[in-house]
Amino acid sequence: MSKRRTLVTVAAAALVLGLSGVAQADPSGAPTFRQLAGVGSDTTQGVMNGLSDAVTVGGTKIIASYDAVGSANITTKDAATTPNCTMPRPANSGEGVNALVASQDNGTNCVQFARSSANNSATYAGKNLTYIPFAVDAVTYGVRSDSSISKKLTTAQLKSVYNCTAPGVGTTYKPLLPKFGSGTRAFFLSSLGLTNAANYTTTFPCVHDTDTTGAPIEENTGTFLTDPANVAPYSIAQYQSQINGVVPAVQGKVVLATLNGISPTALNTASSFKRDVYNVVPTGQLGNAPYAGTFVGTGSAICSATDVITKYGFGEAANCGDTSIVTP
């Protein structure tokens, strides 16, 4: 049990933690609709589903975490009390934050937080959002088990693959990216020293963010790697969750590669492309229940649930619950 478990603040004292089995896609069990509805990142959907089962107030679940992939639409609130909360399912970090912003701007109160695997706060200037870190992840690259691609590339070598200058691009290497809006895509390209943009695959035509049918590629989904020459970024935490059966196994034939000599099975905090992952909340709600007790500070319910966080392959964040990242 982590020592952080003993640091519960007064704001979080009413929150009870209980562990369950594998979290289900979208909210499961009662109540169907909850105080804190969240959408966005594929990378953190599994751990937030687990936390939604673990965090309760007075024995009642308060977090509803909606997966990035599933039915076309989701309904986040009871139509009898909060109408107009059926919306297209947000499919990644960017779409999740957009849904949160829309909920604030139009006053519908349909979304209370967004999952984000990247700090894209600069994109939302004036929107009064706070990015609250709660766990540590790392990204490496994945290839198929039947691939001849080296599983020991460096950052410089991987960059040459993704800017289409590596020998053999188009034959030996057929690089893939998740669709635009993915936090993993944004973080991965930034870590390579490349600039993410909606037209990235036009600028660098050896890279694709759709599959052979034209469907957008979802992050951390190995089944999109259908050619032994494919290579794609992959969250280490997500991969570990998939192969260990904590979340649905969508890795297909993908295996993770060693980046810069650091094994992908090493602790996230030792990895080259290490990152914090976030829950994004309206800044004006930071001092209010149930936001404060759930998200804010090292003693918050989420930060105290280190057993859930590590179960899903993530590392503990020393800055968990920090509220210093505010949109400009």
Protein backbone atom coordinates (compact mmCIF):
# COMPACT_ATOMS: atom_id res chain seq x y z
CA MET A 1 0.00 0.00 0.00
CA SER A 2 1.45 3.40 -0.93
CA LYS A 3 2.27 5.92 1.77
CA ARG A 4 0.20 8.35 -0.25
CA ARG A 5 -2.86 6.46 0.99
CA THR A 6 -2.26 8.06 4.42
CA LEU A 7 -2.25 11.61 3.08
CA VAL A 8 -5.97 11.96 2.42
CA THR A 9 -7.07 15.58 2.87
CA VAL A 10 -10.26 16.78 4.47
CA ALA A 11 -11.71 17.41 1.02
CA ALA A 12 -11.17 13.77 0.11
CA ALA A 13 -12.08 12.24 3.42
CA ALA A 14 -15.60 11.41 2.31
CA LEU A 15 -14.36 9.53 -0.72
CA VAL A 16 -14.20 5.75 -0.35
CA LEU A 17 -11.96 3.61 -2.52
CA GLY A 18 -12.79 0.05 -3.45
CA LEU A 19 -11.12 -2.17 -6.03
CA SER A 20 -13.03 -4.23 -8.54
CA GLY A 21 -12.09 -6.50 -11.42
CA VAL A 22 -11.51 -5.48 -15.02
CA ALA A 23 -13.21 -2.18 -15.76
CA GLN A 24 -15.88 -2.23 -18.44
CA ALA A 25 -16.18 0.03 -21.46
CA ASP A 26 -18.24 3.11 -20.55
CA PRO A 27 -19.88 3.34 -17.11
CA SER A 28 -21.04 0.01 -15.73
CA GLY A 29 -23.30 -0.60 -12.78
CA ALA A 30 -25.35 1.92 -10.88
CA PRO A 31 -25.83 4.76 -11.18
CA THR A 32 -25.94 4.96 -14.96
CA PHE A 33 -25.39 8.72 -14.92
CA ARG A 34 -22.85 10.27 -12.55
CA GLN A 35 -21.69 13.64 -11.28
CA LEU A 36 -18.38 13.64 -13.17
CA ALA A 37 -18.66 12.59 -16.82
CA GLY A 38 -15.36 12.35 -18.67
CA VAL A 39 -14.35 11.69 -22.28
CA GLY A 40 -11.23 11.73 -24.42
CA SER A 41 -7.91 9.89 -24.45
CA ASP A 42 -7.69 6.23 -25.43
CA THR A 43 -4.44 5.94 -23.46
CA THR A 44 -6.05 6.66 -20.09
CA GLN A 45 -9.54 5.31 -20.67
CA GLY A 46 -8.74 1.96 -19.04
CA VAL A 47 -7.26 3.40 -15.85
CA MET A 48 -10.04 5.96 -15.58
CA ASN A 49 -12.60 3.19 -16.04
CA GLY A 50 -10.89 1.42 -13.17
CA LEU A 51 -10.95 4.55 -11.06
CA SER A 52 -14.62 5.10 -11.89
CA ASP A 53 -15.34 1.76 -10.26
CA ALA A 54 -13.10 2.51 -7.27
CA VAL A 55 -13.98 6.07 -6.30
CA THR A 56 -17.26 6.57 -4.44
CA VAL A 57 -18.89 9.18 -2.24
CA GLY A 58 -21.12 7.67 0.41
CA GLY A 59 -20.90 4.36 -1.43
CA THR A 60 -22.08 5.86 -4.74
CA LYS A 61 -19.88 5.95 -7.85
CA ILE A 62 -19.34 9.51 -9.06
CA ILE A 63 -17.03 9.15 -12.11
CA ALA A 64 -18.38 8.15 -15.52
CA SER A 65 -15.58 7.54 -18.02
CA TYR A 66 -16.65 7.03 -21.65
CA ASP A 67 -14.29 5.13 -23.96
CA ALA A 68 -12.74 6.68 -27.05
CA VAL A 69 -14.09 3.85 -29.23
CA GLY A 70 -17.52 2.25 -29.19
CA SER A 71 -20.99 3.29 -30.26
CA ALA A 72 -21.20 6.35 -32.50
CA ASN A 73 -22.92 8.43 -29.82
CA ILE A 74 -22.85 8.60 -26.04
CA THR A 75 -25.34 10.04 -23.55
CA THR A 76 -23.64 11.43 -20.47
CA LYS A 77 -26.59 12.72 -18.43
CA ASP A 78 -30.16 11.72 -17.66
CA ALA A 79 -32.38 13.44 -20.24
CA ALA A 80 -35.03 13.99 -17.58
CA THR A 81 -32.76 16.32 -15.63
CA THR A 82 -30.06 17.41 -18.10
CA PRO A 83 -31.35 17.28 -21.69
CA ASN A 84 -29.29 17.50 -24.90
CA CYS A 85 -26.37 15.43 -23.61
CA THR A 86 -26.27 12.91 -26.44
CA MET A 87 -23.19 13.62 -28.55
CA PRO A 88 -20.78 12.01 -31.03
CA ARG A 89 -18.27 9.94 -29.05
CA PRO A 90 -15.03 11.91 -28.54
CA ALA A 91 -12.29 9.67 -29.90
CA ASN A 92 -9.06 11.09 -28.47
CA SER A 93 -7.51 13.72 -26.20
CA GLY A 94 -8.24 16.64 -28.50
CA GLU A 95 -11.85 15.67 -29.10
CA GLY A 96 -12.30 15.09 -25.37
CA VAL A 97 -11.09 18.57 -24.45
CA ASN A 98 -13.19 20.03 -27.27
CA ALA A 99 -16.26 18.34 -25.77
CA LEU A 100 -15.45 19.77 -22.34
CA VAL A 101 -15.02 23.25 -23.81
CA ALA A 102 -18.30 22.94 -25.71
CA SER A 103 -20.07 21.85 -22.52
CA GLN A 104 -18.81 24.99 -20.78
CA ASP A 105 -19.45 27.33 -23.68
CA ASN A 106 -23.01 26.20 -24.31
CA GLY A 107 -23.88 25.72 -20.64
CA THR A 108 -25.20 22.17 -21.08
CA ASN A 109 -23.12 20.68 -18.24
CA CYS A 110 -22.82 17.45 -20.24
CA VAL A 111 -19.07 16.90 -19.61
CA GLN A 112 -17.17 17.64 -16.40
CA PHE A 113 -13.65 16.52 -17.30
CA ALA A 114 -11.55 15.35 -20.23
CA ARG A 115 -8.87 12.68 -20.35
CA SER A 116 -5.70 13.90 -22.06
CA SER A 117 -2.44 12.04 -22.67
CA ALA A 118 -0.69 15.26 -23.70
CA ASN A 119 -0.38 18.76 -22.31
CA ASN A 120 -2.07 20.66 -25.12
CA SER A 121 -3.16 23.50 -22.85
CA ALA A 122 -1.68 26.15 -25.19
CA THR A 123 -4.32 25.20 -27.76
CA TYR A 124 -7.13 26.28 -25.45
CA ALA A 125 -6.19 29.85 -24.57
CA GLY A 126 -8.96 31.64 -22.73
CA LYS A 127 -10.96 28.50 -22.02
CA ASN A 128 -10.21 28.42 -18.27
CA LEU A 129 -9.03 24.84 -18.04
CA THR A 130 -6.57 23.16 -15.67
CA TYR A 131 -4.53 20.09 -16.67
CA ILE A 132 -4.13 17.92 -13.58
CA PRO A 133 -1.48 15.16 -13.80
CA PHE A 134 -2.37 11.88 -12.14
CA ALA A 135 0.01 9.22 -13.52
CA VAL A 136 3.18 8.67 -15.55
CA ASP A 137 3.29 6.87 -18.89
CA ALA A 138 5.92 6.43 -21.58
CA VAL A 139 5.77 5.97 -25.33
CA THR A 140 7.93 3.78 -27.51
CA TYR A 141 7.40 2.32 -30.96
CA GLY A 142 5.73 -0.94 -31.81
CA VAL A 143 6.30 -3.33 -34.71
CA ARG A 144 4.80 -6.66 -35.65
CA SER A 145 6.43 -9.82 -34.32
CA ASP A 146 7.08 -10.90 -37.92
CA SER A 147 8.75 -7.61 -38.83
CA SER A 148 12.36 -7.23 -39.91
CA ILE A 149 12.47 -3.68 -38.51
CA SER A 150 15.10 -3.24 -35.81
CA LYS A 151 13.67 -3.27 -32.31
CA LYS A 152 16.56 -1.14 -31.07
CA LEU A 153 16.24 2.22 -32.80
CA THR A 154 17.37 5.56 -31.43
CA THR A 155 15.41 8.80 -31.42
CA ALA A 156 17.41 10.03 -34.43
CA GLN A 157 16.71 6.85 -36.39
CA LEU A 158 13.02 6.91 -35.54
CA LYS A 159 12.82 10.57 -36.54
CA SER A 160 14.26 9.72 -39.94
CA VAL A 161 11.47 7.16 -40.38
CA TYR A 162 8.78 9.71 -39.58
CA ASN A 163 10.21 12.51 -41.72
CA CYS A 164 10.60 10.06 -44.60
CA THR A 165 14.38 10.35 -44.92
CA ALA A 166 15.37 6.89 -43.65
CA PRO A 167 16.70 4.45 -46.28
CA GLY A 168 13.97 1.98 -47.13
CA VAL A 169 11.00 4.23 -46.26
CA GLY A 170 8.03 2.93 -48.20
CA THR A 171 9.42 -0.61 -48.33
CA THR A 172 11.31 -1.52 -45.14
CA TYR A 173 9.41 1.12 -43.18
CA LYS A 174 5.73 2.00 -43.55
CA PRO A 175 5.15 4.32 -40.59
CA LEU A 176 1.73 4.90 -39.08
CA LEU A 177 0.32 7.57 -36.78
CA PRO A 178 -2.94 7.78 -34.84
CA LYS A 179 -5.38 10.25 -36.30
CA PHE A 180 -4.97 13.96 -35.67
CA GLY A 181 -6.19 14.95 -32.21
CA SER A 182 -4.51 11.99 -30.53
CA GLY A 183 -2.45 13.00 -27.51
CA THR A 184 -0.07 10.12 -28.15
CA ARG A 185 0.50 11.34 -31.72
CA ALA A 186 1.19 14.90 -30.53
CA PHE A 187 3.56 13.76 -27.77
CA PHE A 188 5.39 11.26 -30.00
CA LEU A 189 6.05 13.73 -32.81
CA SER A 190 7.12 16.42 -30.35
CA SER A 191 9.53 13.96 -28.71
CA LEU A 192 11.01 13.29 -32.15
CA GLY A 193 11.46 17.01 -32.75
CA LEU A 194 8.72 17.06 -35.38
CA THR A 195 5.69 19.35 -35.59
CA ASN A 196 2.27 17.78 -35.34
CA ALA A 197 -0.36 19.09 -37.76
CA ALA A 198 -3.57 17.92 -39.37
CA ASN A 199 -1.77 17.75 -42.74
CA TYR A 200 1.31 15.92 -41.42
CA THR A 201 0.76 12.92 -43.68
CA THR A 202 0.52 15.24 -46.68
CA THR A 203 3.80 16.93 -45.80
CA PHE A 204 5.40 13.53 -45.12
CA PRO A 205 3.55 11.17 -47.49
CA CYS A 206 5.37 8.02 -46.36
CA VAL A 207 3.38 8.28 -43.10
CA HIS A 208 -0.28 7.27 -42.90
CA ASP A 209 -2.93 7.99 -40.26
CA THR A 210 -5.65 5.94 -41.94
CA ASP A 211 -5.73 2.23 -42.68
CA THR A 212 -6.07 0.59 -46.10
CA THR A 213 -9.85 1.17 -46.01
CA GLY A 214 -9.45 4.86 -45.18
CA ALA A 215 -10.55 4.43 -41.56
CA PRO A 216 -8.74 6.64 -39.03
CA ILE A 217 -6.07 4.82 -37.01
CA GLU A 218 -6.79 4.65 -33.30
CA GLU A 219 -3.86 5.05 -30.93
CA ASN A 220 -2.50 2.05 -29.04
CA THR A 221 -4.33 -0.43 -31.28
CA GLY A 222 -1.92 -2.95 -32.75
CA THR A 223 -4.44 -4.51 -35.11
CA PHE A 224 -3.94 -1.52 -37.40
CA LEU A 225 -0.42 -2.79 -38.12
CA THR A 226 -1.30 -5.15 -40.95
CA ASP A 227 2.04 -5.08 -42.79
CA PRO A 228 5.37 -6.32 -41.36
CA ALA A 229 6.82 -2.98 -42.48
CA ASN A 230 4.42 -0.99 -40.28
CA VAL A 231 5.73 0.89 -37.27
CA ALA A 232 3.65 3.00 -34.87
CA PRO A 233 3.91 4.81 -31.53
CA TYR A 234 2.52 2.89 -28.57
CA SER A 235 1.87 3.67 -24.91
CA ILE A 236 3.82 1.28 -22.69
CA ALA A 237 1.12 1.41 -20.02
CA GLN A 238 -1.61 0.60 -22.53
CA TYR A 239 0.40 -2.27 -23.97
CA GLN A 240 1.07 -3.77 -20.55
CA SER A 241 -2.64 -3.48 -19.71
CA GLN A 242 -3.54 -5.22 -22.97
CA ILE A 243 -1.15 -8.16 -22.71
CA ASN A 244 -2.00 -8.66 -19.03
CA GLY A 245 -5.72 -8.77 -19.73
CA VAL A 246 -6.60 -5.71 -17.67
CA VAL A 247 -8.16 -4.05 -20.73
CA PRO A 248 -9.30 -5.60 -24.04
CA ALA A 249 -6.41 -7.17 -25.98
CA VAL A 250 -6.09 -5.11 -29.17
CA GLN A 251 -2.32 -5.40 -29.58
CA GLY A 252 -2.61 -7.99 -32.37
CA LYS A 253 0.88 -9.07 -33.42
CA VAL A 254 2.56 -5.96 -32.08
CA VAL A 255 5.58 -6.14 -29.81
CA LEU A 256 7.18 -3.11 -28.23
CA ALA A 257 10.70 -2.08 -29.18
CA THR A 258 13.65 -0.85 -27.13
CA LEU A 259 14.09 2.88 -27.69
CA ASN A 260 17.49 4.45 -26.98
CA GLY A 261 18.59 1.25 -25.24
CA ILE A 262 15.80 1.36 -22.63
CA SER A 263 13.60 -1.70 -22.42
CA PRO A 264 9.86 -1.09 -22.88
CA THR A 265 9.22 -3.27 -19.85
CA ALA A 266 11.30 -0.97 -17.64
CA LEU A 267 9.55 1.37 -15.25
CA ASN A 268 7.85 4.23 -17.09
CA THR A 269 9.93 6.71 -15.12
CA ALA A 270 13.10 5.34 -16.76
CA SER A 271 11.85 5.57 -20.35
CA SER A 272 13.11 8.05 -22.93
CA PHE A 273 9.70 9.37 -23.98
CA LYS A 274 8.24 9.74 -20.49
CA ARG A 275 5.10 11.81 -20.02
CA ASP A 276 2.53 12.82 -17.49
CA VAL A 277 -1.10 12.05 -18.30
CA TYR A 278 -3.90 14.37 -17.26
CA ASN A 279 -7.47 14.94 -16.32
CA VAL A 280 -8.60 18.33 -17.58
CA VAL A 281 -11.17 20.21 -15.51
CA PRO A 282 -12.70 23.69 -15.55
CA THR A 283 -10.45 25.96 -13.47
CA GLY A 284 -13.44 27.52 -11.75
CA GLN A 285 -14.40 24.16 -10.27
CA LEU A 286 -11.09 23.35 -8.57
CA GLY A 287 -12.33 24.34 -5.13
CA ASN A 288 -15.76 22.76 -5.46
CA ALA A 289 -17.04 19.31 -4.58
CA PRO A 290 -16.76 16.72 -5.99
CA TYR A 291 -13.93 18.07 -8.21
CA ALA A 292 -11.62 19.04 -5.35
CA GLY A 293 -11.78 15.75 -3.49
CA THR A 294 -11.56 13.70 -6.68
CA PHE A 295 -8.80 15.43 -8.65
CA VAL A 296 -6.93 18.07 -6.63
CA GLY A 297 -3.84 17.42 -4.53
CA THR A 298 -1.80 14.38 -3.56
CA GLY A 299 -4.49 13.37 -1.08
CA SER A 300 -7.29 13.39 -3.64
CA ALA A 301 -9.20 10.19 -4.28
CA ILE A 302 -7.52 9.59 -7.63
CA CYS A 303 -4.00 10.28 -6.35
CA SER A 304 -4.64 8.04 -3.36
CA ALA A 305 -5.65 5.12 -5.59
CA THR A 306 -2.09 4.17 -6.50
CA ASP A 307 -3.03 0.49 -6.53
CA VAL A 308 -5.48 1.13 -9.37
CA ILE A 309 -3.04 3.36 -11.26
CA THR A 310 -0.22 0.81 -11.17
CA LYS A 311 -2.59 -2.06 -11.97
CA TYR A 312 -3.11 -0.44 -15.38
CA GLY A 313 0.62 -0.19 -16.09
CA PHE A 314 1.16 3.47 -15.17
CA GLY A 315 3.74 4.89 -12.81
CA GLU A 316 2.95 7.04 -9.80
CA ALA A 317 3.27 10.78 -10.47
CA ALA A 318 5.15 12.79 -7.85
CA ASN A 319 3.12 15.82 -8.98
CA CYS A 320 -0.23 14.03 -8.90
CA GLY A 321 -3.03 16.49 -8.28
CA ASP A 322 -0.96 19.55 -9.16
CA THR A 323 -3.03 22.44 -10.52
CA SER A 324 -0.31 24.69 -11.94
CA ILE A 325 -0.96 23.95 -15.63
CA VAL A 326 -3.69 26.41 -16.55
CA THR A 327 -4.68 27.43 -20.06
CA PRO A 328 -3.24 30.86 -20.91
